[in-house]
Amino acid sequence: MVGLGGTAEKLQKVASMAEDVYKKLNEMRKELNALRETVERVDDQTTQNRALLEALADQQGIDVDTVLAQTAIEEAEPTADDGTEPGAADETGTATDDTSDSPTDAANANGGTTGATDDTTDGSA
């Protein structure tokens, strides 16, 4: 009956492996419960922070729904993450974004001057 000794050894190994798996499963269960508690705590804090921010926005006359809608629109718009630089020309020679530096934009950026020289000097220096 030498075969029974080998079978008993194999059964012992399987039982030992099952016990290890059971311990690991219990550890993972505890970790999952701790993670759930953390998520609930963060969710509660986020809800409180949102309420505070909405109250502050209301005091400042800011419409939260409009800000959120505008943010969602901006996030949904395609960006220049396709490897091209904003304002760079594409294959057709047109700019990849619709922002341009008009003289008005340049004037605003330079404190009210466009940076162009005035050619109407009277010659007196």
N, C-alpha and C. Protein backbone atom coordinates (compact mmCIF):
# COMPACT_ATOMS: atom_id res chain seq x y z
N MET A 1 0.81 -1.18 0.00
CA MET A 1 0.00 0.00 0.00
C MET A 1 0.86 1.26 0.00
N VAL A 2 1.83 1.27 -0.82
CA VAL A 2 2.72 2.41 -0.94
C VAL A 2 2.00 3.57 -1.60
N GLY A 3 1.04 3.33 -2.45
CA GLY A 3 0.31 4.37 -3.18
C GLY A 3 -0.50 5.26 -2.26
N LEU A 4 -0.96 4.73 -1.13
CA LEU A 4 -1.76 5.55 -0.22
C LEU A 4 -0.92 6.61 0.48
N GLY A 5 0.33 6.34 0.73
CA GLY A 5 1.21 7.33 1.36
C GLY A 5 1.41 8.54 0.47
N GLY A 6 1.59 8.30 -0.81
CA GLY A 6 1.75 9.39 -1.78
C GLY A 6 0.48 10.19 -1.91
N THR A 7 -0.66 9.51 -1.87
CA THR A 7 -1.94 10.20 -1.98
C THR A 7 -2.19 11.07 -0.75
N ALA A 8 -1.84 10.56 0.41
CA ALA A 8 -2.02 11.33 1.65
C ALA A 8 -1.15 12.59 1.61
N GLU A 9 0.08 12.45 1.09
CA GLU A 9 0.96 13.61 0.97
C GLU A 9 0.36 14.65 0.03
N LYS A 10 -0.17 14.21 -1.08
CA LYS A 10 -0.78 15.12 -2.05
C LYS A 10 -2.00 15.80 -1.45
N LEU A 11 -2.80 15.04 -0.72
CA LEU A 11 -3.98 15.63 -0.08
C LEU A 11 -3.56 16.67 0.96
N GLN A 12 -2.48 16.40 1.68
CA GLN A 12 -1.98 17.36 2.68
C GLN A 12 -1.53 18.64 2.00
N LYS A 13 -0.84 18.53 0.85
CA LYS A 13 -0.40 19.70 0.10
C LYS A 13 -1.60 20.52 -0.38
N VAL A 14 -2.61 19.83 -0.90
CA VAL A 14 -3.81 20.52 -1.38
C VAL A 14 -4.52 21.21 -0.21
N ALA A 15 -4.62 20.54 0.91
CA ALA A 15 -5.27 21.14 2.09
C ALA A 15 -4.48 22.35 2.57
N SER A 16 -3.16 22.28 2.54
CA SER A 16 -2.31 23.39 2.95
C SER A 16 -2.48 24.58 1.99
N MET A 17 -2.54 24.29 0.70
CA MET A 17 -2.74 25.34 -0.30
C MET A 17 -4.12 25.99 -0.12
N ALA A 18 -5.14 25.18 0.16
CA ALA A 18 -6.49 25.71 0.37
C ALA A 18 -6.51 26.60 1.60
N GLU A 19 -5.80 26.21 2.65
CA GLU A 19 -5.74 27.03 3.86
C GLU A 19 -5.05 28.36 3.58
N ASP A 20 -3.98 28.35 2.80
CA ASP A 20 -3.28 29.59 2.42
C ASP A 20 -4.19 30.50 1.60
N VAL A 21 -4.91 29.92 0.67
CA VAL A 21 -5.84 30.70 -0.16
C VAL A 21 -6.93 31.32 0.71
N TYR A 22 -7.44 30.54 1.67
CA TYR A 22 -8.48 31.04 2.57
C TYR A 22 -7.97 32.22 3.40
N LYS A 23 -6.72 32.13 3.92
CA LYS A 23 -6.13 33.22 4.69
C LYS A 23 -5.98 34.47 3.81
N LYS A 24 -5.50 34.26 2.60
CA LYS A 24 -5.30 35.38 1.68
C LYS A 24 -6.64 36.02 1.34
N LEU A 25 -7.67 35.22 1.15
CA LEU A 25 -8.99 35.74 0.85
C LEU A 25 -9.52 36.59 2.01
N ASN A 26 -9.31 36.14 3.23
CA ASN A 26 -9.73 36.92 4.40
C ASN A 26 -8.96 38.24 4.50
N GLU A 27 -7.66 38.21 4.21
CA GLU A 27 -6.86 39.44 4.20
C GLU A 27 -7.40 40.42 3.16
N MET A 28 -7.69 39.92 1.99
CA MET A 28 -8.21 40.77 0.91
C MET A 28 -9.58 41.33 1.27
N ARG A 29 -10.39 40.53 1.94
CA ARG A 29 -11.71 40.97 2.38
C ARG A 29 -11.57 42.14 3.35
N LYS A 30 -10.62 42.04 4.29
CA LYS A 30 -10.38 43.11 5.25
C LYS A 30 -9.90 44.38 4.54
N GLU A 31 -8.98 44.20 3.59
CA GLU A 31 -8.48 45.34 2.82
C GLU A 31 -9.60 46.01 2.04
N LEU A 32 -10.47 45.22 1.46
CA LEU A 32 -11.59 45.75 0.69
C LEU A 32 -12.54 46.55 1.59
N ASN A 33 -12.81 46.03 2.77
CA ASN A 33 -13.68 46.75 3.72
C ASN A 33 -13.04 48.07 4.14
N ALA A 34 -11.73 48.05 4.38
CA ALA A 34 -11.03 49.29 4.74
C ALA A 34 -11.09 50.28 3.59
N LEU A 35 -10.95 49.80 2.38
CA LEU A 35 -11.02 50.66 1.20
C LEU A 35 -12.42 51.27 1.05
N ARG A 36 -13.43 50.46 1.28
CA ARG A 36 -14.81 50.98 1.22
C ARG A 36 -15.02 52.09 2.24
N GLU A 37 -14.51 51.90 3.45
CA GLU A 37 -14.65 52.93 4.49
C GLU A 37 -13.93 54.20 4.08
N THR A 38 -12.76 54.07 3.48
CA THR A 38 -12.01 55.23 3.01
C THR A 38 -12.78 55.97 1.93
N VAL A 39 -13.34 55.23 0.98
CA VAL A 39 -14.11 55.84 -0.10
C VAL A 39 -15.33 56.57 0.46
N GLU A 40 -16.01 55.98 1.42
CA GLU A 40 -17.17 56.63 2.03
C GLU A 40 -16.76 57.91 2.75
N ARG A 41 -15.62 57.87 3.44
CA ARG A 41 -15.14 59.05 4.17
C ARG A 41 -14.78 60.16 3.18
N VAL A 42 -14.08 59.82 2.11
CA VAL A 42 -13.71 60.81 1.10
C VAL A 42 -14.95 61.37 0.42
N ASP A 43 -15.93 60.52 0.15
CA ASP A 43 -17.18 60.97 -0.46
C ASP A 43 -17.90 61.95 0.45
N ASP A 44 -17.93 61.66 1.75
CA ASP A 44 -18.56 62.58 2.70
C ASP A 44 -17.83 63.92 2.74
N GLN A 45 -16.50 63.86 2.75
CA GLN A 45 -15.71 65.10 2.76
C GLN A 45 -15.93 65.90 1.49
N THR A 46 -16.02 65.21 0.35
CA THR A 46 -16.26 65.88 -0.92
C THR A 46 -17.62 66.56 -0.91
N THR A 47 -18.62 65.89 -0.38
CA THR A 47 -19.96 66.48 -0.29
C THR A 47 -19.94 67.73 0.58
N GLN A 48 -19.25 67.67 1.70
CA GLN A 48 -19.14 68.84 2.58
C GLN A 48 -18.40 69.98 1.89
N ASN A 49 -17.30 69.66 1.21
CA ASN A 49 -16.54 70.68 0.50
C ASN A 49 -17.36 71.32 -0.61
N ARG A 50 -18.13 70.51 -1.31
CA ARG A 50 -18.98 71.05 -2.38
C ARG A 50 -20.00 72.02 -1.81
N ALA A 51 -20.60 71.66 -0.67
CA ALA A 51 -21.58 72.54 -0.04
C ALA A 51 -20.93 73.87 0.35
N LEU A 52 -19.72 73.80 0.91
CA LEU A 52 -19.01 75.03 1.27
C LEU A 52 -18.69 75.87 0.04
N LEU A 53 -18.19 75.24 -1.02
CA LEU A 53 -17.86 75.97 -2.23
C LEU A 53 -19.09 76.61 -2.86
N GLU A 54 -20.21 75.89 -2.86
CA GLU A 54 -21.43 76.45 -3.42
C GLU A 54 -21.91 77.64 -2.59
N ALA A 55 -21.76 77.56 -1.26
CA ALA A 55 -22.16 78.68 -0.40
C ALA A 55 -21.26 79.89 -0.67
N LEU A 56 -19.96 79.66 -0.80
CA LEU A 56 -19.04 80.75 -1.10
C LEU A 56 -19.32 81.35 -2.47
N ALA A 57 -19.58 80.50 -3.45
CA ALA A 57 -19.90 80.98 -4.79
C ALA A 57 -21.18 81.81 -4.77
N ASP A 58 -22.16 81.37 -4.01
CA ASP A 58 -23.42 82.10 -3.89
C ASP A 58 -23.18 83.48 -3.28
N GLN A 59 -22.32 83.55 -2.26
CA GLN A 59 -21.99 84.84 -1.64
C GLN A 59 -21.30 85.78 -2.62
N GLN A 60 -20.53 85.20 -3.53
CA GLN A 60 -19.80 86.01 -4.51
C GLN A 60 -20.61 86.26 -5.78
N GLY A 61 -21.83 85.72 -5.84
CA GLY A 61 -22.68 85.92 -7.00
C GLY A 61 -22.29 85.07 -8.19
N ILE A 62 -21.65 83.94 -7.95
CA ILE A 62 -21.21 83.04 -9.02
C ILE A 62 -22.24 81.94 -9.17
N ASP A 63 -22.70 81.73 -10.41
CA ASP A 63 -23.66 80.66 -10.69
C ASP A 63 -22.89 79.36 -10.89
N VAL A 64 -22.99 78.47 -9.91
CA VAL A 64 -22.23 77.22 -9.92
C VAL A 64 -22.60 76.35 -11.12
N ASP A 65 -23.88 76.29 -11.45
CA ASP A 65 -24.31 75.45 -12.58
C ASP A 65 -23.70 75.94 -13.89
N THR A 66 -23.60 77.25 -14.06
CA THR A 66 -23.00 77.79 -15.27
C THR A 66 -21.52 77.46 -15.34
N VAL A 67 -20.83 77.59 -14.22
CA VAL A 67 -19.40 77.27 -14.17
C VAL A 67 -19.19 75.79 -14.48
N LEU A 68 -20.00 74.91 -13.89
CA LEU A 68 -19.86 73.47 -14.15
C LEU A 68 -20.16 73.13 -15.61
N ALA A 69 -21.17 73.78 -16.17
CA ALA A 69 -21.51 73.54 -17.58
C ALA A 69 -20.38 73.99 -18.48
N GLN A 70 -19.81 75.17 -18.21
CA GLN A 70 -18.71 75.67 -19.02
C GLN A 70 -17.49 74.76 -18.90
N THR A 71 -17.22 74.27 -17.71
CA THR A 71 -16.10 73.35 -17.51
C THR A 71 -16.31 72.06 -18.29
N ALA A 72 -17.52 71.55 -18.26
CA ALA A 72 -17.82 70.32 -19.00
C ALA A 72 -17.63 70.53 -20.50
N ILE A 73 -18.03 71.69 -21.00
CA ILE A 73 -17.87 71.99 -22.42
C ILE A 73 -16.39 72.06 -22.77
N GLU A 74 -15.61 72.75 -21.94
CA GLU A 74 -14.18 72.88 -22.21
C GLU A 74 -13.48 71.53 -22.17
N GLU A 75 -13.89 70.66 -21.24
CA GLU A 75 -13.26 69.34 -21.15
C GLU A 75 -13.65 68.46 -22.33
N ALA A 76 -14.83 68.69 -22.90
CA ALA A 76 -15.29 67.88 -24.01
C ALA A 76 -14.68 68.32 -25.34
N GLU A 77 -14.20 69.55 -25.40
CA GLU A 77 -13.61 70.05 -26.64
C GLU A 77 -12.28 69.35 -26.88
N PRO A 78 -11.97 69.07 -28.15
CA PRO A 78 -10.69 68.44 -28.45
C PRO A 78 -9.55 69.39 -28.12
N THR A 79 -8.43 68.82 -27.70
CA THR A 79 -7.26 69.62 -27.36
C THR A 79 -6.15 69.33 -28.34
N ALA A 80 -5.04 70.01 -28.18
CA ALA A 80 -3.90 69.82 -29.07
C ALA A 80 -3.02 68.68 -28.59
N ASP A 81 -3.59 67.64 -28.01
CA ASP A 81 -2.84 66.49 -27.54
C ASP A 81 -2.47 65.54 -28.67
N ASP A 82 -2.74 65.95 -29.91
CA ASP A 82 -2.45 65.08 -31.04
C ASP A 82 -1.02 65.27 -31.54
N GLY A 83 -0.20 65.96 -30.76
CA GLY A 83 1.19 66.13 -31.13
C GLY A 83 1.48 67.45 -31.81
N THR A 84 0.47 68.22 -32.15
CA THR A 84 0.70 69.51 -32.80
C THR A 84 0.68 70.60 -31.76
N GLU A 85 1.39 71.65 -32.04
CA GLU A 85 1.41 72.80 -31.15
C GLU A 85 0.16 73.64 -31.41
N PRO A 86 -0.43 74.22 -30.36
CA PRO A 86 -1.56 75.11 -30.58
C PRO A 86 -1.13 76.26 -31.48
N GLY A 87 -1.93 76.52 -32.50
CA GLY A 87 -1.64 77.60 -33.43
C GLY A 87 -0.76 77.17 -34.58
N ALA A 88 -0.24 75.94 -34.56
CA ALA A 88 0.62 75.46 -35.64
C ALA A 88 -0.23 75.14 -36.86
N ALA A 89 0.36 75.27 -38.02
CA ALA A 89 -0.38 75.00 -39.24
C ALA A 89 -0.49 73.51 -39.46
N ASP A 90 -1.64 73.07 -39.97
CA ASP A 90 -1.81 71.66 -40.30
C ASP A 90 -1.48 71.46 -41.77
N GLU A 91 -1.84 70.30 -42.33
CA GLU A 91 -1.51 69.98 -43.71
C GLU A 91 -2.09 70.99 -44.70
N THR A 92 -3.22 71.61 -44.38
CA THR A 92 -3.85 72.55 -45.30
C THR A 92 -3.32 73.95 -45.15
N GLY A 93 -2.43 74.16 -44.15
CA GLY A 93 -1.86 75.47 -43.95
C GLY A 93 -2.68 76.35 -43.03
N THR A 94 -3.73 75.80 -42.43
CA THR A 94 -4.54 76.59 -41.52
C THR A 94 -4.13 76.30 -40.10
N ALA A 95 -4.38 77.24 -39.24
CA ALA A 95 -4.02 77.07 -37.83
C ALA A 95 -4.89 76.00 -37.20
N THR A 96 -4.32 75.28 -36.21
CA THR A 96 -5.06 74.20 -35.57
C THR A 96 -5.99 74.68 -34.49
N ASP A 97 -5.83 75.93 -34.05
CA ASP A 97 -6.79 76.47 -33.10
C ASP A 97 -7.31 77.80 -33.63
N ASP A 98 -8.38 78.25 -33.05
CA ASP A 98 -9.01 79.45 -33.58
C ASP A 98 -8.62 80.69 -32.80
N THR A 99 -7.57 80.64 -32.01
CA THR A 99 -7.11 81.82 -31.31
C THR A 99 -6.05 82.49 -32.14
N SER A 100 -6.13 83.80 -32.25
CA SER A 100 -5.13 84.54 -33.00
C SER A 100 -4.78 85.78 -32.22
N ASP A 101 -3.59 86.27 -32.45
CA ASP A 101 -3.16 87.49 -31.79
C ASP A 101 -3.52 88.67 -32.66
N SER A 102 -4.64 89.27 -32.39
CA SER A 102 -5.04 90.46 -33.11
C SER A 102 -4.35 91.65 -32.50
N PRO A 103 -4.31 92.78 -33.17
CA PRO A 103 -3.71 93.98 -32.58
C PRO A 103 -4.36 94.33 -31.24
N THR A 104 -5.65 94.08 -31.12
CA THR A 104 -6.33 94.37 -29.85
C THR A 104 -5.80 93.47 -28.76
N ASP A 105 -5.59 92.18 -29.07
CA ASP A 105 -5.03 91.25 -28.09
C ASP A 105 -3.63 91.68 -27.69
N ALA A 106 -2.83 92.08 -28.68
CA ALA A 106 -1.48 92.51 -28.39
C ALA A 106 -1.49 93.78 -27.54
N ALA A 107 -2.41 94.69 -27.83
CA ALA A 107 -2.51 95.92 -27.06
C ALA A 107 -2.87 95.61 -25.61
N ASN A 108 -3.79 94.71 -25.41
CA ASN A 108 -4.17 94.35 -24.05
C ASN A 108 -3.00 93.70 -23.32
N ALA A 109 -2.24 92.88 -23.99
CA ALA A 109 -1.12 92.19 -23.36
C ALA A 109 0.03 93.13 -23.07
N ASN A 110 0.18 94.22 -23.85
CA ASN A 110 1.29 95.16 -23.67
C ASN A 110 0.88 96.40 -22.90
N GLY A 111 -0.16 96.34 -22.16
CA GLY A 111 -0.56 97.48 -21.35
C GLY A 111 -1.18 98.59 -22.16
N GLY A 112 -1.77 98.30 -23.29
CA GLY A 112 -2.48 99.30 -24.06
C GLY A 112 -1.75 99.76 -25.31
N THR A 113 -0.55 99.24 -25.54
CA THR A 113 0.16 99.62 -26.76
C THR A 113 0.33 98.39 -27.62
N THR A 114 0.29 98.60 -28.93
CA THR A 114 0.43 97.48 -29.84
C THR A 114 1.88 97.15 -30.13
N GLY A 115 2.79 98.03 -29.71
CA GLY A 115 4.20 97.79 -29.99
C GLY A 115 4.62 98.35 -31.33
N ALA A 116 3.71 98.86 -32.11
CA ALA A 116 4.03 99.45 -33.40
C ALA A 116 4.58 100.84 -33.17
N THR A 117 5.49 101.26 -34.04
CA THR A 117 6.06 102.60 -33.90
C THR A 117 5.15 103.60 -34.57
N ASP A 118 5.19 104.82 -34.08
CA ASP A 118 4.37 105.89 -34.62
C ASP A 118 5.19 106.62 -35.68
N ASP A 119 4.75 106.54 -36.93
CA ASP A 119 5.49 107.15 -38.03
C ASP A 119 5.11 108.62 -38.23
N THR A 120 4.29 109.17 -37.38
CA THR A 120 3.82 110.54 -37.57
C THR A 120 4.56 111.50 -36.65
N THR A 121 5.85 111.29 -36.49
CA THR A 121 6.62 112.20 -35.65
C THR A 121 6.86 113.49 -36.39
N ASP A 122 6.99 114.57 -35.67
CA ASP A 122 7.14 115.88 -36.32
C ASP A 122 8.60 116.25 -36.54
N GLY A 123 9.50 115.37 -36.22
CA GLY A 123 10.88 115.59 -36.51
C GLY A 123 11.61 116.32 -35.39
N SER A 124 10.90 116.86 -34.43
CA SER A 124 11.59 117.57 -33.35
C SER A 124 11.97 116.58 -32.27
N ALA A 125 13.24 116.54 -31.95
CA ALA A 125 13.66 115.60 -30.93
C ALA A 125 14.40 116.28 -29.84
